[in-house]
Amino acid sequence: RKEGFIAKYMEDFSSLSTKQVDLMLELAGKEVEIVVRSLTNHLSKHLEDEGAILSDTSRHLLDNTNLSLCLSNDKAEFVKLFDMLHGFIHKSYEDLNWLYELHRNATENKELTHFAATKDTSSDEITHLFHSFERYTTITPRLIEYLLMN
């Protein structure tokens, strides 16, 4: 029922205020993937529009959604969302940086939590994880800079 109500309420996403979006997030609770799915459906309808940009309401929803929880609950929806967002992000530094931070914040503690929950994790595996994360955070800003130059 909850999913049906949220989906119906968010059909005309572009007419919603940020307060209405906040209410839908509150109603969804830990099932944030319901709201993310509504946003993804909205974005897929407008991706082909000439000069399509991500609305302030969409950005507000993404900035205020627990995307880590979405990743845990429905990885396919999480991946679909970021694939969709790629089409709306223009090659400005601000857009790329925002998208990078959004993704990083959603995923940075995911692997650490998984390893911490596993009793058989060796210290070598944890060290490898930290080095991988270190490389990722070093390489990604350089990649963004390269993309902006080209």
Protein backbone atom coordinates (compact mmCIF):
# COMPACT_ATOMS: atom_id res chain seq x y z
CA ARG A 1 0.00 0.00 0.00
CA LYS A 2 2.71 2.45 1.01
CA GLU A 3 4.59 1.95 -2.25
CA GLY A 4 1.44 2.44 -4.32
CA PHE A 5 0.54 5.64 -2.48
CA ILE A 6 4.05 7.11 -2.80
CA ALA A 7 4.29 6.16 -6.48
CA LYS A 8 0.91 7.77 -7.23
CA TYR A 9 1.69 10.89 -5.17
CA MET A 10 5.05 11.35 -6.88
CA GLU A 11 3.80 10.76 -10.46
CA ASP A 12 3.92 14.49 -11.18
CA PHE A 13 7.29 14.87 -9.50
CA SER A 14 8.08 18.24 -11.07
CA SER A 15 5.11 19.87 -9.29
CA LEU A 16 6.19 18.74 -5.81
CA SER A 17 7.71 21.11 -3.30
CA THR A 18 10.71 20.15 -1.21
CA LYS A 19 8.39 19.89 1.83
CA GLN A 20 6.23 17.37 -0.02
CA VAL A 21 9.34 15.40 -0.99
CA ASP A 22 10.44 15.41 2.65
CA LEU A 23 7.03 14.03 3.65
CA MET A 24 7.38 11.21 1.12
CA LEU A 25 10.85 10.40 2.46
CA GLU A 26 9.44 10.31 5.97
CA LEU A 27 6.57 8.08 4.88
CA ALA A 28 8.95 5.70 3.07
CA GLY A 29 11.08 5.37 6.21
CA LYS A 30 13.68 2.65 5.73
CA GLU A 31 12.18 1.72 2.37
CA VAL A 32 13.89 4.64 0.62
CA GLU A 33 14.12 2.65 -2.60
CA ILE A 34 10.40 3.36 -3.11
CA VAL A 35 11.09 7.10 -3.39
CA VAL A 36 14.26 6.51 -5.42
CA ARG A 37 12.25 4.35 -7.86
CA SER A 38 9.72 7.18 -8.31
CA LEU A 39 12.52 9.63 -9.02
CA THR A 40 14.22 7.23 -11.44
CA ASN A 41 10.93 6.76 -13.32
CA HIS A 42 10.50 10.53 -13.51
CA LEU A 43 14.06 11.03 -14.75
CA SER A 44 13.71 8.32 -17.41
CA LYS A 45 10.73 10.17 -18.91
CA HIS A 46 12.67 13.44 -19.18
CA LEU A 47 16.15 12.25 -20.06
CA GLU A 48 15.59 12.72 -23.78
CA ASP A 49 14.24 16.27 -23.40
CA GLU A 50 16.41 18.87 -25.07
CA GLY A 51 18.77 20.37 -22.50
CA ALA A 52 17.33 18.29 -19.68
CA ILE A 53 18.63 19.40 -16.31
CA LEU A 54 18.21 17.98 -12.86
CA SER A 55 15.61 20.03 -11.00
CA ASP A 56 16.22 21.57 -7.59
CA THR A 57 13.54 19.25 -6.19
CA SER A 58 15.38 16.21 -7.59
CA ARG A 59 18.65 17.40 -6.10
CA HIS A 60 16.92 18.05 -2.78
CA LEU A 61 15.52 14.52 -2.75
CA LEU A 62 18.92 13.01 -3.54
CA ASP A 63 20.73 15.15 -1.00
CA ASN A 64 18.24 14.12 1.71
CA THR A 65 17.82 10.42 0.91
CA ASN A 66 19.82 7.74 2.66
CA LEU A 67 21.29 6.30 -0.53
CA SER A 68 23.41 3.85 1.48
CA LEU A 69 20.16 2.32 2.65
CA CYS A 70 18.87 2.27 -0.93
CA LEU A 71 22.03 0.43 -1.98
CA SER A 72 21.50 -2.12 0.79
CA ASN A 73 17.80 -2.59 0.05
CA ASP A 74 17.84 -2.57 -3.75
CA LYS A 75 21.23 -2.49 -5.47
CA ALA A 76 19.67 -2.66 -8.96
CA GLU A 77 17.61 0.49 -8.28
CA PHE A 78 20.70 2.25 -6.90
CA VAL A 79 22.70 1.41 -10.05
CA LYS A 80 19.81 2.43 -12.29
CA LEU A 81 19.59 5.79 -10.48
CA PHE A 82 23.26 6.62 -11.01
CA ASP A 83 23.12 5.47 -14.64
CA MET A 84 20.18 7.83 -15.10
CA LEU A 85 21.90 10.71 -13.28
CA HIS A 86 24.85 10.45 -15.65
CA GLY A 87 22.57 11.66 -18.46
CA PHE A 88 21.53 14.74 -16.51
CA ILE A 89 24.94 15.82 -15.32
CA HIS A 90 26.66 18.27 -17.62
CA LYS A 91 30.41 18.53 -17.66
CA SER A 92 30.64 21.35 -15.17
CA TYR A 93 32.93 20.90 -12.22
CA GLU A 94 30.06 21.56 -9.78
CA ASP A 95 27.82 18.88 -11.31
CA LEU A 96 30.57 16.27 -11.48
CA ASN A 97 31.73 17.04 -7.97
CA TRP A 98 28.16 16.84 -6.63
CA LEU A 99 27.60 13.47 -8.32
CA TYR A 100 30.94 12.15 -7.06
CA GLU A 101 30.16 13.23 -3.47
CA LEU A 102 26.66 11.78 -3.66
CA HIS A 103 28.00 8.41 -4.80
CA ARG A 104 30.95 8.44 -2.41
CA ASN A 105 28.76 9.23 0.59
CA ALA A 106 26.41 6.40 -0.33
CA THR A 107 29.13 3.81 -0.79
CA GLU A 108 32.11 4.75 1.39
CA ASN A 109 31.09 2.89 4.55
CA LYS A 110 29.33 0.03 2.80
CA GLU A 111 32.44 -2.15 2.39
CA LEU A 112 33.79 -1.25 5.82
CA THR A 113 30.50 -2.29 7.43
CA HIS A 114 30.56 -5.59 5.53
CA PHE A 115 34.11 -6.35 6.64
CA ALA A 116 33.43 -5.34 10.24
CA ALA A 117 30.48 -7.73 10.36
CA THR A 118 32.57 -10.66 9.12
CA LYS A 119 34.40 -12.44 11.96
CA ASP A 120 36.90 -14.14 9.64
CA THR A 121 38.22 -10.93 8.13
CA SER A 122 41.99 -10.79 8.30
CA SER A 123 43.94 -7.62 8.96
CA ASP A 124 45.45 -7.97 5.45
CA GLU A 125 41.97 -7.72 3.92
CA ILE A 126 41.14 -4.64 5.96
CA THR A 127 44.48 -3.02 5.03
CA HIS A 128 43.80 -3.79 1.35
CA LEU A 129 40.35 -2.20 1.65
CA PHE A 130 41.76 1.02 3.12
CA HIS A 131 44.44 1.22 0.41
CA SER A 132 41.80 0.69 -2.29
CA PHE A 133 39.68 3.48 -0.84
CA GLU A 134 42.73 5.75 -0.61
CA ARG A 135 43.52 5.16 -4.31
CA TYR A 136 39.88 5.74 -5.25
CA THR A 137 39.73 9.10 -3.50
CA THR A 138 43.05 10.15 -5.07
CA ILE A 139 42.25 9.08 -8.62
CA THR A 140 38.65 10.31 -8.85
CA PRO A 141 39.36 14.08 -8.53
CA ARG A 142 42.04 13.70 -11.23
CA LEU A 143 39.54 11.92 -13.45
CA ILE A 144 36.99 14.70 -12.95
CA GLU A 145 39.63 17.27 -13.83
CA TYR A 146 40.57 15.30 -16.98
CA LEU A 147 36.92 15.07 -18.06
CA LEU A 148 36.48 18.80 -17.66
CA MET A 149 39.54 19.51 -19.79
CA ASN A 150 38.26 17.35 -22.67
